PDB file of N, CA and C in Angstrom:
ATOM      1  N   MET A   1      -7.840  11.205  13.807  1.00  0.00           N
ATOM      2  CA  MET A   1      -6.952  12.269  13.372  1.00  0.00           C
ATOM      3  C   MET A   1      -6.561  12.078  11.905  1.00  0.00           C
ATOM      4  N   VAL A   2      -6.219  10.851  11.533  1.00  0.00           N
ATOM      5  CA  VAL A   2      -5.819  10.577  10.147  1.00  0.00           C
ATOM      6  C   VAL A   2      -6.958  10.934   9.211  1.00  0.00           C
ATOM      7  N   SER A   3      -8.152  10.463   9.531  1.00  0.00           N
ATOM      8  CA  SER A   3      -9.310  10.733   8.676  1.00  0.00           C
ATOM      9  C   SER A   3      -9.603  12.221   8.578  1.00  0.00           C
ATOM     10  N   ALA A   4      -9.518  12.922   9.680  1.00  0.00           N
ATOM     11  CA  ALA A   4      -9.792  14.361   9.671  1.00  0.00           C
ATOM     12  C   ALA A   4      -8.799  15.096   8.778  1.00  0.00           C
ATOM     13  N   MET A   5      -7.531  14.748   8.851  1.00  0.00           N
ATOM     14  CA  MET A   5      -6.511  15.410   8.034  1.00  0.00           C
ATOM     15  C   MET A   5      -6.715  15.096   6.552  1.00  0.00           C
ATOM     16  N   LEU A   6      -7.116  13.863   6.253  1.00  0.00           N
ATOM     17  CA  LEU A   6      -7.390  13.506   4.861  1.00  0.00           C
ATOM     18  C   LEU A   6      -8.624  14.229   4.329  1.00  0.00           C
ATOM     19  N   VAL A   7      -9.622  14.416   5.171  1.00  0.00           N
ATOM     20  CA  VAL A   7     -10.819  15.165   4.752  1.00  0.00           C
ATOM     21  C   VAL A   7     -10.450  16.610   4.439  1.00  0.00           C
ATOM     22  N   VAL A   8      -9.678  17.243   5.315  1.00  0.00           N
ATOM     23  CA  VAL A   8      -9.260  18.634   5.068  1.00  0.00           C
ATOM     24  C   VAL A   8      -8.476  18.721   3.759  1.00  0.00           C
ATOM     25  N   ALA A   9      -7.494  17.848   3.583  1.00  0.00           N
ATOM     26  CA  ALA A   9      -6.681  17.855   2.367  1.00  0.00           C
ATOM     27  C   ALA A   9      -7.543  17.574   1.139  1.00  0.00           C
ATOM     28  N   GLY A  10      -8.473  16.650   1.268  1.00  0.00           N
ATOM     29  CA  GLY A  10      -9.353  16.315   0.143  1.00  0.00           C
ATOM     30  C   GLY A  10     -10.250  17.463  -0.266  1.00  0.00           C
ATOM     31  N   VAL A  11     -10.854  18.110   0.703  1.00  0.00           N
ATOM     32  CA  VAL A  11     -11.742  19.243   0.395  1.00  0.00           C
ATOM     33  C   VAL A  11     -10.947  20.360  -0.275  1.00  0.00           C
ATOM     34  N   ILE A  12      -9.779  20.654   0.240  1.00  0.00           N
ATOM     35  CA  ILE A  12      -8.959  21.717  -0.356  1.00  0.00           C
ATOM     36  C   ILE A  12      -8.542  21.333  -1.779  1.00  0.00           C
ATOM     37  N   HIS A  13      -8.223  20.073  -2.009  1.00  0.00           N
ATOM     38  CA  HIS A  13      -7.869  19.644  -3.364  1.00  0.00           C
ATOM     39  C   HIS A  13      -9.070  19.706  -4.310  1.00  0.00           C
ATOM     40  N   LEU A  14     -10.273  19.650  -3.789  1.00  0.00           N
ATOM     41  CA  LEU A  14     -11.460  19.723  -4.650  1.00  0.00           C
ATOM     42  C   LEU A  14     -11.784  21.154  -5.097  1.00  0.00           C
ATOM     43  N   LEU A  15     -11.282  22.152  -4.385  1.00  0.00           N
ATOM     44  CA  LEU A  15     -11.622  23.539  -4.711  1.00  0.00           C
ATOM     45  C   LEU A  15     -11.281  23.929  -6.151  1.00  0.00           C
ATOM     46  N   PRO A  16     -10.114  23.560  -6.693  1.00  0.00           N
ATOM     47  CA  PRO A  16      -9.824  23.939  -8.081  1.00  0.00           C
ATOM     48  C   PRO A  16     -10.687  23.225  -9.120  1.00  0.00           C
ATOM     49  N   LEU A  17     -11.443  22.218  -8.706  1.00  0.00           N
ATOM     50  CA  LEU A  17     -12.306  21.491  -9.641  1.00  0.00           C
ATOM     51  C   LEU A  17     -13.269  22.425 -10.359  1.00  0.00           C
ATOM     52  N   SER A  18     -13.633  23.524  -9.722  1.00  0.00           N
ATOM     53  CA  SER A  18     -14.553  24.468 -10.369  1.00  0.00           C
ATOM     54  C   SER A  18     -13.949  25.058 -11.637  1.00  0.00           C
ATOM     55  N   GLY A  19     -12.635  24.982 -11.790  1.00  0.00           N
ATOM     56  CA  GLY A  19     -11.987  25.474 -13.006  1.00  0.00           C
ATOM     57  C   GLY A  19     -12.405  24.733 -14.256  1.00  0.00           C
ATOM     58  N   VAL A  20     -12.950  23.541 -14.110  1.00  0.00           N
ATOM     59  CA  VAL A  20     -13.407  22.776 -15.267  1.00  0.00           C
ATOM     60  C   VAL A  20     -14.577  23.486 -15.960  1.00  0.00           C
ATOM     61  N   LEU A  21     -15.232  24.393 -15.254  1.00  0.00           N
ATOM     62  CA  LEU A  21     -16.387  25.096 -15.805  1.00  0.00           C
ATOM     63  C   LEU A  21     -16.015  26.113 -16.879  1.00  0.00           C
ATOM     64  N   GLY A  22     -14.758  26.508 -16.961  1.00  0.00           N
ATOM     65  CA  GLY A  22     -14.372  27.395 -18.043  1.00  0.00           C
ATOM     66  C   GLY A  22     -13.290  28.388 -17.685  1.00  0.00           C
ATOM     67  N   SER A  23     -12.914  29.148 -18.701  1.00  0.00           N
ATOM     68  CA  SER A  23     -11.813  30.100 -18.589  1.00  0.00           C
ATOM     69  C   SER A  23     -12.076  31.191 -17.565  1.00  0.00           C
ATOM     70  N   GLU A  24     -13.330  31.628 -17.449  1.00  0.00           N
ATOM     71  CA  GLU A  24     -13.641  32.685 -16.483  1.00  0.00           C
ATOM     72  C   GLU A  24     -13.381  32.215 -15.061  1.00  0.00           C
ATOM     73  N   ARG A  25     -13.772  31.004 -14.763  1.00  0.00           N
ATOM     74  CA  ARG A  25     -13.561  30.460 -13.423  1.00  0.00           C
ATOM     75  C   ARG A  25     -12.066  30.254 -13.162  1.00  0.00           C
ATOM     76  N   LEU A  26     -11.351  29.772 -14.159  1.00  0.00           N
ATOM     77  CA  LEU A  26      -9.901  29.620 -14.016  1.00  0.00           C
ATOM     78  C   LEU A  26      -9.243  30.965 -13.737  1.00  0.00           C
ATOM     79  N   ALA A  27      -9.693  32.003 -14.453  1.00  0.00           N
ATOM     80  CA  ALA A  27      -9.124  33.339 -14.257  1.00  0.00           C
ATOM     81  C   ALA A  27      -9.348  33.821 -12.834  1.00  0.00           C
ATOM     82  N   SER A  28     -10.507  33.539 -12.271  1.00  0.00           N
ATOM     83  CA  SER A  28     -10.760  33.974 -10.894  1.00  0.00           C
ATOM     84  C   SER A  28      -9.941  33.166  -9.889  1.00  0.00           C
ATOM     85  N   LEU A  29      -9.655  31.920 -10.199  1.00  0.00           N
ATOM     86  CA  LEU A  29      -8.844  31.088  -9.305  1.00  0.00           C
ATOM     87  C   LEU A  29      -7.374  31.498  -9.307  1.00  0.00           C
ATOM     88  N   TYR A  30      -6.844  31.806 -10.487  1.00  0.00           N
ATOM     89  CA  TYR A  30      -5.406  31.989 -10.630  1.00  0.00           C
ATOM     90  C   TYR A  30      -4.972  33.406 -11.001  1.00  0.00           C
ATOM     91  N   GLY A  31      -5.939  34.297 -11.254  1.00  0.00           N
ATOM     92  CA  GLY A  31      -5.594  35.683 -11.556  1.00  0.00           C
ATOM     93  C   GLY A  31      -4.881  35.863 -12.885  1.00  0.00           C
ATOM     94  N   LEU A  32      -5.153  34.986 -13.830  1.00  0.00           N
ATOM     95  CA  LEU A  32      -4.534  35.038 -15.148  1.00  0.00           C
ATOM     96  C   LEU A  32      -5.607  34.863 -16.215  1.00  0.00           C
ATOM     97  N   PRO A  33      -5.398  35.430 -17.403  1.00  0.00           N
ATOM     98  CA  PRO A  33      -6.363  35.176 -18.488  1.00  0.00           C
ATOM     99  C   PRO A  33      -6.117  33.784 -19.087  1.00  0.00           C
ATOM    100  N   PHE A  34      -7.172  33.104 -19.412  1.00  0.00           N
ATOM    101  CA  PHE A  34      -7.074  31.782 -20.040  1.00  0.00           C
ATOM    102  C   PHE A  34      -7.832  31.805 -21.363  1.00  0.00           C
ATOM    103  N   ASN A  35      -7.541  32.815 -22.163  1.00  0.00           N
ATOM    104  CA  ASN A  35      -8.216  32.992 -23.447  1.00  0.00           C
ATOM    105  C   ASN A  35      -7.641  32.090 -24.529  1.00  0.00           C
ATOM    106  N   GLU A  36      -6.401  31.673 -24.382  1.00  0.00           N
ATOM    107  CA  GLU A  36      -5.782  30.810 -25.365  1.00  0.00           C
ATOM    108  C   GLU A  36      -6.353  29.405 -25.191  1.00  0.00           C
ATOM    109  N   PRO A  37      -6.975  28.844 -26.237  1.00  0.00           N
ATOM    110  CA  PRO A  37      -7.689  27.560 -26.092  1.00  0.00           C
ATOM    111  C   PRO A  37      -6.838  26.412 -25.564  1.00  0.00           C
ATOM    112  N   ASN A  38      -5.587  26.297 -25.997  1.00  0.00           N
ATOM    113  CA  ASN A  38      -4.742  25.182 -25.551  1.00  0.00           C
ATOM    114  C   ASN A  38      -4.451  25.265 -24.056  1.00  0.00           C
ATOM    115  N   LEU A  39      -4.165  26.465 -23.596  1.00  0.00           N
ATOM    116  CA  LEU A  39      -3.922  26.662 -22.172  1.00  0.00           C
ATOM    117  C   LEU A  39      -5.190  26.383 -21.362  1.00  0.00           C
ATOM    118  N   ALA A  40      -6.331  26.817 -21.877  1.00  0.00           N
ATOM    119  CA  ALA A  40      -7.606  26.562 -21.187  1.00  0.00           C
ATOM    120  C   ALA A  40      -7.868  25.055 -21.081  1.00  0.00           C
ATOM    121  N   ILE A  41      -7.583  24.330 -22.159  1.00  0.00           N
ATOM    122  CA  ILE A  41      -7.769  22.870 -22.134  1.00  0.00           C
ATOM    123  C   ILE A  41      -6.882  22.241 -21.064  1.00  0.00           C
ATOM    124  N   LEU A  42      -5.602  22.622 -21.074  1.00  0.00           N
ATOM    125  CA  LEU A  42      -4.663  22.054 -20.095  1.00  0.00           C
ATOM    126  C   LEU A  42      -5.077  22.373 -18.661  1.00  0.00           C
ATOM    127  N   MET A  43      -5.485  23.603 -18.410  1.00  0.00           N
ATOM    128  CA  MET A  43      -5.862  23.997 -17.049  1.00  0.00           C
ATOM    129  C   MET A  43      -7.189  23.377 -16.622  1.00  0.00           C
ATOM    130  N   ARG A  44      -8.114  23.223 -17.552  1.00  0.00           N
ATOM    131  CA  ARG A  44      -9.371  22.549 -17.208  1.00  0.00           C
ATOM    132  C   ARG A  44      -9.109  21.076 -16.902  1.00  0.00           C
ATOM    133  N   HIS A  45      -8.189  20.472 -17.645  1.00  0.00           N
ATOM    134  CA  HIS A  45      -7.807  19.087 -17.364  1.00  0.00           C
ATOM    135  C   HIS A  45      -7.133  18.997 -16.000  1.00  0.00           C
ATOM    136  N   ARG A  46      -6.303  19.988 -15.666  1.00  0.00           N
ATOM    137  CA  ARG A  46      -5.663  20.049 -14.355  1.00  0.00           C
ATOM    138  C   ARG A  46      -6.729  20.084 -13.262  1.00  0.00           C
ATOM    139  N   ALA A  47      -7.804  20.826 -13.512  1.00  0.00           N
ATOM    140  CA  ALA A  47      -8.899  20.893 -12.540  1.00  0.00           C
ATOM    141  C   ALA A  47      -9.515  19.506 -12.323  1.00  0.00           C
ATOM    142  N   VAL A  48      -9.679  18.763 -13.400  1.00  0.00           N
ATOM    143  CA  VAL A  48     -10.221  17.401 -13.281  1.00  0.00           C
ATOM    144  C   VAL A  48      -9.275  16.525 -12.457  1.00  0.00           C
ATOM    145  N   LEU A  49      -7.977  16.654 -12.712  1.00  0.00           N
ATOM    146  CA  LEU A  49      -7.002  15.851 -11.956  1.00  0.00           C
ATOM    147  C   LEU A  49      -7.033  16.202 -10.472  1.00  0.00           C
ATOM    148  N   PHE A  50      -7.194  17.487 -10.160  1.00  0.00           N
ATOM    149  CA  PHE A  50      -7.332  17.862  -8.753  1.00  0.00           C
ATOM    150  C   PHE A  50      -8.603  17.264  -8.159  1.00  0.00           C
ATOM    151  N   GLY A  51      -9.652  17.201  -8.957  1.00  0.00           N
ATOM    152  CA  GLY A  51     -10.879  16.553  -8.484  1.00  0.00           C
ATOM    153  C   GLY A  51     -10.652  15.094  -8.155  1.00  0.00           C
ATOM    154  N   LEU A  52      -9.865  14.417  -8.992  1.00  0.00           N
ATOM    155  CA  LEU A  52      -9.557  13.007  -8.731  1.00  0.00           C
ATOM    156  C   LEU A  52      -8.733  12.846  -7.459  1.00  0.00           C
ATOM    157  N   ILE A  53      -7.715  13.681  -7.311  1.00  0.00           N
ATOM    158  CA  ILE A  53      -6.878  13.602  -6.109  1.00  0.00           C
ATOM    159  C   ILE A  53      -7.721  13.899  -4.873  1.00  0.00           C
ATOM    160  N   GLY A  54      -8.513  14.959  -4.927  1.00  0.00           N
ATOM    161  CA  GLY A  54      -9.359  15.319  -3.791  1.00  0.00           C
ATOM    162  C   GLY A  54     -10.348  14.231  -3.444  1.00  0.00           C
ATOM    163  N   SER A  55     -10.956  13.641  -4.469  1.00  0.00           N
ATOM    164  CA  SER A  55     -11.918  12.554  -4.233  1.00  0.00           C
ATOM    165  C   SER A  55     -11.241  11.349  -3.594  1.00  0.00           C
ATOM    166  N   PHE A  56     -10.045  11.021  -4.073  1.00  0.00           N
ATOM    167  CA  PHE A  56      -9.324   9.889  -3.498  1.00  0.00           C
ATOM    168  C   PHE A  56      -8.931  10.158  -2.049  1.00  0.00           C
ATOM    169  N   LEU A  57      -8.478  11.382  -1.762  1.00  0.00           N
ATOM    170  CA  LEU A  57      -8.144  11.722  -0.376  1.00  0.00           C
ATOM    171  C   LEU A  57      -9.369  11.588   0.520  1.00  0.00           C
ATOM    172  N   LEU A  58     -10.508  12.088   0.049  1.00  0.00           N
ATOM    173  CA  LEU A  58     -11.749  11.971   0.842  1.00  0.00           C
ATOM    174  C   LEU A  58     -12.158  10.511   1.014  1.00  0.00           C
ATOM    175  N   PHE A  59     -12.123   9.745  -0.060  1.00  0.00           N
ATOM    176  CA  PHE A  59     -12.495   8.339   0.011  1.00  0.00           C
ATOM    177  C   PHE A  59     -11.587   7.578   0.972  1.00  0.00           C
ATOM    178  N   SER A  60     -10.290   7.865   0.897  1.00  0.00           N
ATOM    179  CA  SER A  60      -9.345   7.150   1.749  1.00  0.00           C
ATOM    180  C   SER A  60      -9.509   7.497   3.230  1.00  0.00           C
ATOM    181  N   ALA A  61     -10.104   8.633   3.507  1.00  0.00           N
ATOM    182  CA  ALA A  61     -10.340   9.010   4.911  1.00  0.00           C
ATOM    183  C   ALA A  61     -11.178   7.947   5.619  1.00  0.00           C
ATOM    184  N   PHE A  62     -11.990   7.217   4.838  1.00  0.00           N
ATOM    185  CA  PHE A  62     -12.886   6.206   5.414  1.00  0.00           C
ATOM    186  C   PHE A  62     -12.487   4.783   5.019  1.00  0.00           C
ATOM    187  N   GLN A  63     -11.319   4.655   4.394  1.00  0.00           N
ATOM    188  CA  GLN A  63     -10.795   3.357   3.983  1.00  0.00           C
ATOM    189  C   GLN A  63      -9.348   3.236   4.471  1.00  0.00           C
ATOM    190  N   PRO A  64      -9.150   2.776   5.701  1.00  0.00           N
ATOM    191  CA  PRO A  64      -7.796   2.730   6.270  1.00  0.00           C
ATOM    192  C   PRO A  64      -6.755   2.046   5.390  1.00  0.00           C
ATOM    193  N   ALA A  65      -7.155   1.060   4.618  1.00  0.00           N
ATOM    194  CA  ALA A  65      -6.196   0.358   3.767  1.00  0.00           C
ATOM    195  C   ALA A  65      -5.613   1.254   2.678  1.00  0.00           C
ATOM    196  N   LEU A  66      -6.298   2.333   2.344  1.00  0.00           N
ATOM    197  CA  LEU A  66      -5.845   3.251   1.292  1.00  0.00           C
ATOM    198  C   LEU A  66      -5.134   4.490   1.830  1.00  0.00           C
ATOM    199  N   GLN A  67      -5.098   4.651   3.124  1.00  0.00           N
ATOM    200  CA  GLN A  67      -4.595   5.896   3.695  1.00  0.00           C
ATOM    201  C   GLN A  67      -3.118   6.135   3.439  1.00  0.00           C
ATOM    202  N   SER A  68      -2.307   5.108   3.481  1.00  0.00           N
ATOM    203  CA  SER A  68      -0.870   5.295   3.230  1.00  0.00           C
ATOM    204  C   SER A  68      -0.631   5.861   1.844  1.00  0.00           C
ATOM    205  N   ILE A  69      -1.222   5.247   0.836  1.00  0.00           N
ATOM    206  CA  ILE A  69      -1.012   5.705  -0.539  1.00  0.00           C
ATOM    207  C   ILE A  69      -1.622   7.086  -0.754  1.00  0.00           C
ATOM    208  N   ALA A  70      -2.740   7.372  -0.117  1.00  0.00           N
ATOM    209  CA  ALA A  70      -3.362   8.690  -0.248  1.00  0.00           C
ATOM    210  C   ALA A  70      -2.473   9.772   0.360  1.00  0.00           C
ATOM    211  N   ILE A  71      -1.919   9.488   1.518  1.00  0.00           N
ATOM    212  CA  ILE A  71      -1.034  10.457   2.169  1.00  0.00           C
ATOM    213  C   ILE A  71       0.198  10.709   1.313  1.00  0.00           C
ATOM    214  N   VAL A  72       0.811   9.650   0.810  1.00  0.00           N
ATOM    215  CA  VAL A  72       1.998   9.800  -0.036  1.00  0.00           C
ATOM    216  C   VAL A  72       1.654  10.582  -1.305  1.00  0.00           C
ATOM    217  N   GLY A  73       0.555  10.232  -1.960  1.00  0.00           N
ATOM    218  CA  GLY A  73       0.144  10.938  -3.173  1.00  0.00           C
ATOM    219  C   GLY A  73      -0.156  12.398  -2.911  1.00  0.00           C
ATOM    220  N   GLY A  74      -0.841  12.677  -1.808  1.00  0.00           N
ATOM    221  CA  GLY A  74      -1.143  14.059  -1.448  1.00  0.00           C
ATOM    222  C   GLY A  74       0.109  14.865  -1.171  1.00  0.00           C
ATOM    223  N   ILE A  75       1.037  14.260  -0.454  1.00  0.00           N
ATOM    224  CA  ILE A  75       2.290  14.959  -0.155  1.00  0.00           C
ATOM    225  C   ILE A  75       3.077  15.232  -1.436  1.00  0.00           C
ATOM    226  N   ILE A  76       3.137  14.273  -2.340  1.00  0.00           N
ATOM    227  CA  ILE A  76       3.840  14.481  -3.612  1.00  0.00           C
ATOM    228  C   ILE A  76       3.186  15.623  -4.391  1.00  0.00           C
ATOM    229  N   SER A  77       1.873  15.637  -4.448  1.00  0.00           N
ATOM    230  CA  SER A  77       1.147  16.691  -5.157  1.00  0.00           C
ATOM    231  C   SER A  77       1.471  18.067  -4.587  1.00  0.00           C
ATOM    232  N   VAL A  78       1.381  18.198  -3.281  1.00  0.00           N
ATOM    233  CA  VAL A  78       1.575  19.492  -2.625  1.00  0.00           C
ATOM    234  C   VAL A  78       3.034  19.932  -2.682  1.00  0.00           C
ATOM    235  N   VAL A  79       3.949  19.040  -2.361  1.00  0.00           N
ATOM    236  CA  VAL A  79       5.367  19.403  -2.356  1.00  0.00           C
ATOM    237  C   VAL A  79       5.833  19.777  -3.761  1.00  0.00           C
ATOM    238  N   SER A  80       5.342  19.102  -4.777  1.00  0.00           N
ATOM    239  CA  SER A  80       5.755  19.449  -6.140  1.00  0.00           C
ATOM    240  C   SER A  80       5.317  20.866  -6.491  1.00  0.00           C
ATOM    241  N   PHE A  81       4.094  21.243  -6.120  1.00  0.00           N
ATOM    242  CA  PHE A  81       3.654  22.618  -6.391  1.00  0.00           C
ATOM    243  C   PHE A  81       4.462  23.622  -5.581  1.00  0.00           C
ATOM    244  N   LEU A  82       4.640  23.345  -4.301  1.00  0.00           N
ATOM    245  CA  LEU A  82       5.398  24.269  -3.459  1.00  0.00           C
ATOM    246  C   LEU A  82       6.817  24.464  -3.995  1.00  0.00           C
ATOM    247  N   TYR A  83       7.451  23.381  -4.410  1.00  0.00           N
ATOM    248  CA  TYR A  83       8.802  23.493  -4.952  1.00  0.00           C
ATOM    249  C   TYR A  83       8.815  24.322  -6.235  1.00  0.00           C
ATOM    250  N   LEU A  84       7.891  24.016  -7.150  1.00  0.00           N
ATOM    251  CA  LEU A  84       7.863  24.752  -8.420  1.00  0.00           C
ATOM    252  C   LEU A  84       7.598  26.236  -8.196  1.00  0.00           C
ATOM    253  N   ALA A  85       6.663  26.553  -7.326  1.00  0.00           N
ATOM    254  CA  ALA A  85       6.362  27.961  -7.052  1.00  0.00           C
ATOM    255  C   ALA A  85       7.571  28.657  -6.431  1.00  0.00           C
ATOM    256  N   TRP A  86       8.221  27.985  -5.498  1.00  0.00           N
ATOM    257  CA  TRP A  86       9.402  28.556  -4.848  1.00  0.00           C
ATOM    258  C   TRP A  86      10.541  28.721  -5.856  1.00  0.00           C
ATOM    259  N   ALA A  87      10.775  27.705  -6.683  1.00  0.00           N
ATOM    260  CA  ALA A  87      11.890  27.728  -7.633  1.00  0.00           C
ATOM    261  C   ALA A  87      11.697  28.792  -8.709  1.00  0.00           C
ATOM    262  N   VAL A  88      10.484  28.956  -9.192  1.00  0.00           N
ATOM    263  CA  VAL A  88      10.213  29.936 -10.245  1.00  0.00           C
ATOM    264  C   VAL A  88      10.072  31.329  -9.651  1.00  0.00           C
ATOM    265  N   GLY A  89       9.320  31.438  -8.554  1.00  0.00           N
ATOM    266  CA  GLY A  89       9.120  32.729  -7.891  1.00  0.00           C
ATOM    267  C   GLY A  89       8.309  33.694  -8.730  1.00  0.00           C
ATOM    268  N   SER A  90       8.238  34.938  -8.296  1.00  0.00           N
ATOM    269  CA  SER A  90       7.548  36.021  -9.007  1.00  0.00           C
ATOM    270  C   SER A  90       6.101  35.687  -9.372  1.00  0.00           C
ATOM    271  N   TYR A  91       5.406  34.951  -8.514  1.00  0.00           N
ATOM    272  CA  TYR A  91       4.011  34.606  -8.803  1.00  0.00           C
ATOM    273  C   TYR A  91       3.095  35.718  -8.306  1.00  0.00           C
ATOM    274  N   ASN A  92       1.869  35.693  -8.839  1.00  0.00           N
ATOM    275  CA  ASN A  92       0.882  36.721  -8.506  1.00  0.00           C
ATOM    276  C   ASN A  92       0.223  36.414  -7.154  1.00  0.00           C
ATOM    277  N   PRO A  93      -0.592  37.333  -6.651  1.00  0.00           N
ATOM    278  CA  PRO A  93      -1.226  37.113  -5.339  1.00  0.00           C
ATOM    279  C   PRO A  93      -2.125  35.878  -5.276  1.00  0.00           C
ATOM    280  N   GLN A  94      -2.801  35.548  -6.365  1.00  0.00           N
ATOM    281  CA  GLN A  94      -3.660  34.357  -6.350  1.00  0.00           C
ATOM    282  C   GLN A  94      -2.832  33.086  -6.227  1.00  0.00           C
ATOM    283  N   ILE A  95      -1.714  33.027  -6.927  1.00  0.00           N
ATOM    284  CA  ILE A  95      -0.824  31.863  -6.795  1.00  0.00           C
ATOM    285  C   ILE A  95      -0.193  31.859  -5.404  1.00  0.00           C
ATOM    286  N   GLY A  96       0.087  33.037  -4.877  1.00  0.00           N
ATOM    287  CA  GLY A  96       0.583  33.132  -3.505  1.00  0.00           C
ATOM    288  C   GLY A  96      -0.408  32.568  -2.506  1.00  0.00           C
ATOM    289  N   ARG A  97      -1.697  32.811  -2.765  1.00  0.00           N
ATOM    290  CA  ARG A  97      -2.751  32.254  -1.906  1.00  0.00           C
ATOM    291  C   ARG A  97      -2.758  30.727  -2.009  1.00  0.00           C
ATOM    292  N   VAL A  98      -2.617  30.213  -3.225  1.00  0.00           N
ATOM    293  CA  VAL A  98      -2.554  28.758  -3.424  1.00  0.00           C
ATOM    294  C   VAL A  98      -1.342  28.195  -2.677  1.00  0.00           C
ATOM    295  N   PHE A  99      -0.224  28.897  -2.741  1.00  0.00           N
ATOM    296  CA  PHE A  99       0.990  28.475  -2.047  1.00  0.00           C
ATOM    297  C   PHE A  99       0.721  28.347  -0.540  1.00  0.00           C
ATOM    298  N   LEU A 100       0.120  29.366   0.045  1.00  0.00           N
ATOM    299  CA  LEU A 100      -0.168  29.329   1.490  1.00  0.00           C
ATOM    300  C   LEU A 100      -1.141  28.213   1.854  1.00  0.00           C
ATOM    301  N   VAL A 101      -2.152  28.033   1.034  1.00  0.00           N
ATOM    302  CA  VAL A 101      -3.119  26.958   1.298  1.00  0.00           C
ATOM    303  C   VAL A 101      -2.425  25.603   1.190  1.00  0.00           C
ATOM    304  N   ASP A 102      -1.520  25.454   0.217  1.00  0.00           N
ATOM    305  CA  ASP A 102      -0.802  24.184   0.094  1.00  0.00           C
ATOM    306  C   ASP A 102       0.135  23.938   1.266  1.00  0.00           C
ATOM    307  N   VAL A 103       0.678  24.982   1.871  1.00  0.00           N
ATOM    308  CA  VAL A 103       1.468  24.806   3.096  1.00  0.00           C
ATOM    309  C   VAL A 103       0.567  24.226   4.186  1.00  0.00           C
ATOM    310  N   ILE A 104      -0.650  24.739   4.291  1.00  0.00           N
ATOM    311  CA  ILE A 104      -1.611  24.213   5.273  1.00  0.00           C
ATOM    312  C   ILE A 104      -1.936  22.757   4.976  1.00  0.00           C
ATOM    313  N   VAL A 105      -2.156  22.441   3.706  1.00  0.00           N
ATOM    314  CA  VAL A 105      -2.444  21.048   3.325  1.00  0.00           C
ATOM    315  C   VAL A 105      -1.253  20.155   3.668  1.00  0.00           C
ATOM    316  N   LEU A 106      -0.049  20.629   3.406  1.00  0.00           N
ATOM    317  CA  LEU A 106       1.135  19.835   3.731  1.00  0.00           C
ATOM    318  C   LEU A 106       1.207  19.560   5.228  1.00  0.00           C
ATOM    319  N   ILE A 107       0.933  20.561   6.029  1.00  0.00           N
ATOM    320  CA  ILE A 107       0.931  20.365   7.484  1.00  0.00           C
ATOM    321  C   ILE A 107      -0.108  19.310   7.860  1.00  0.00           C
ATOM    322  N   CYS A 108      -1.299  19.415   7.292  1.00  0.00           N
ATOM    323  CA  CYS A 108      -2.344  18.423   7.580  1.00  0.00           C
ATOM    324  C   CYS A 108      -1.899  17.017   7.191  1.00  0.00           C
ATOM    325  N   LEU A 109      -1.299  16.900   6.020  1.00  0.00           N
ATOM    326  CA  LEU A 109      -0.873  15.580   5.572  1.00  0.00           C
ATOM    327  C   LEU A 109       0.269  15.022   6.413  1.00  0.00           C
ATOM    328  N   VAL A 110       1.178  15.873   6.844  1.00  0.00           N
ATOM    329  CA  VAL A 110       2.267  15.413   7.721  1.00  0.00           C
ATOM    330  C   VAL A 110       1.701  14.978   9.066  1.00  0.00           C
ATOM    331  N   VAL A 111       0.779  15.765   9.622  1.00  0.00           N
ATOM    332  CA  VAL A 111       0.126  15.368  10.882  1.00  0.00           C
ATOM    333  C   VAL A 111      -0.610  14.050  10.680  1.00  0.00           C
ATOM    334  N   GLY A 112      -1.332  13.929   9.567  1.00  0.00           N
ATOM    335  CA  GLY A 112      -2.030  12.679   9.260  1.00  0.00           C
ATOM    336  C   GLY A 112      -1.070  11.514   9.114  1.00  0.00           C
ATOM    337  N   ALA A 113       0.068  11.749   8.480  1.00  0.00           N
ATOM    338  CA  ALA A 113       1.063  10.688   8.308  1.00  0.00           C
ATOM    339  C   ALA A 113       1.619  10.232   9.653  1.00  0.00           C
ATOM    340  N   ILE A 114       1.924  11.191  10.510  1.00  0.00           N
ATOM    341  CA  ILE A 114       2.447  10.845  11.844  1.00  0.00           C
ATOM    342  C   ILE A 114       1.409  10.040  12.618  1.00  0.00           C
ATOM    343  N   ALA A 115       0.165  10.487  12.581  1.00  0.00           N
ATOM    344  CA  ALA A 115      -0.911   9.762  13.275  1.00  0.00           C
ATOM    345  C   ALA A 115      -1.104   8.371  12.672  1.00  0.00           C
ATOM    346  N   HIS A 116      -0.999   8.295  11.351  1.00  0.00           N
ATOM    347  CA  HIS A 116      -1.168   7.012  10.669  1.00  0.00           C
ATOM    348  C   HIS A 116      -0.066   6.033  11.081  1.00  0.00           C
ATOM    349  N   VAL A 117       1.169   6.487  11.097  1.00  0.00           N
ATOM    350  CA  VAL A 117       2.294   5.632  11.519  1.00  0.00           C
ATOM    351  C   VAL A 117       2.108   5.213  12.985  1.00  0.00           C
ATOM    352  N   TYR A 118       1.692   6.136  13.813  1.00  0.00           N
ATOM    353  CA  TYR A 118       1.444   5.816  15.219  1.00  0.00           C
ATOM    354  C   TYR A 118       0.387   4.727  15.354  1.00  0.00           C
ATOM    355  N   MET A 119      -0.691   4.865  14.597  1.00  0.00           N
ATOM    356  CA  MET A 119      -1.775   3.852  14.660  1.00  0.00           C
ATOM    357  C   MET A 119      -1.297   2.505  14.154  1.00  0.00           C
ATOM    358  N   LEU A 120      -0.463   2.506  13.104  1.00  0.00           N
ATOM    359  CA  LEU A 120       0.053   1.238  12.590  1.00  0.00           C
ATOM    360  C   LEU A 120       0.955   0.552  13.604  1.00  0.00           C
ATOM    361  N   ARG A 121       1.763   1.316  14.288  1.00  0.00           N
ATOM    362  CA  ARG A 121       2.671   0.744  15.296  1.00  0.00           C
ATOM    363  C   ARG A 121       1.907   0.269  16.517  1.00  0.00           C
ATOM    364  N   LYS A 122       0.814   0.941  16.833  1.00  0.00           N
ATOM    365  CA  LYS A 122       0.007   0.601  17.999  1.00  0.00           C
ATOM    366  C   LYS A 122      -0.730  -0.726  17.789  1.00  0.00           C
ATOM    367  N   SER A 123      -1.096  -1.025  16.521  1.00  0.00           N
ATOM    368  CA  SER A 123      -1.863  -2.249  16.278  1.00  0.00           C
ATOM    369  C   SER A 123      -1.034  -3.490  16.265  1.00  0.00           C
TER     370      SER A 123
END
């Protein structure tokens, strides 16, 4: 169960990685223009960071010693976005889609965390 939840969270975190390919891809992901070079750089870098988080979540799915830190890191990543989106509000439909997907990821990570704690107590 822990591994399955980490795989789901990892794959979902890898989806924004395609934004590294350029402004057009970022625009399709987020429904915003990324014509300003500085913003494009920052968002493409964000895509790389999501790739790192997603890769670590996937890797940890098969490395039990890393699962605790992966779950905590994933939860921090998702909760921070959910909080910021909720606090700012007035986001577009594409960001709304990201919000809903992150709720799903949070559920997966919480289920994974519960299963992980259960397995640790069982051993």
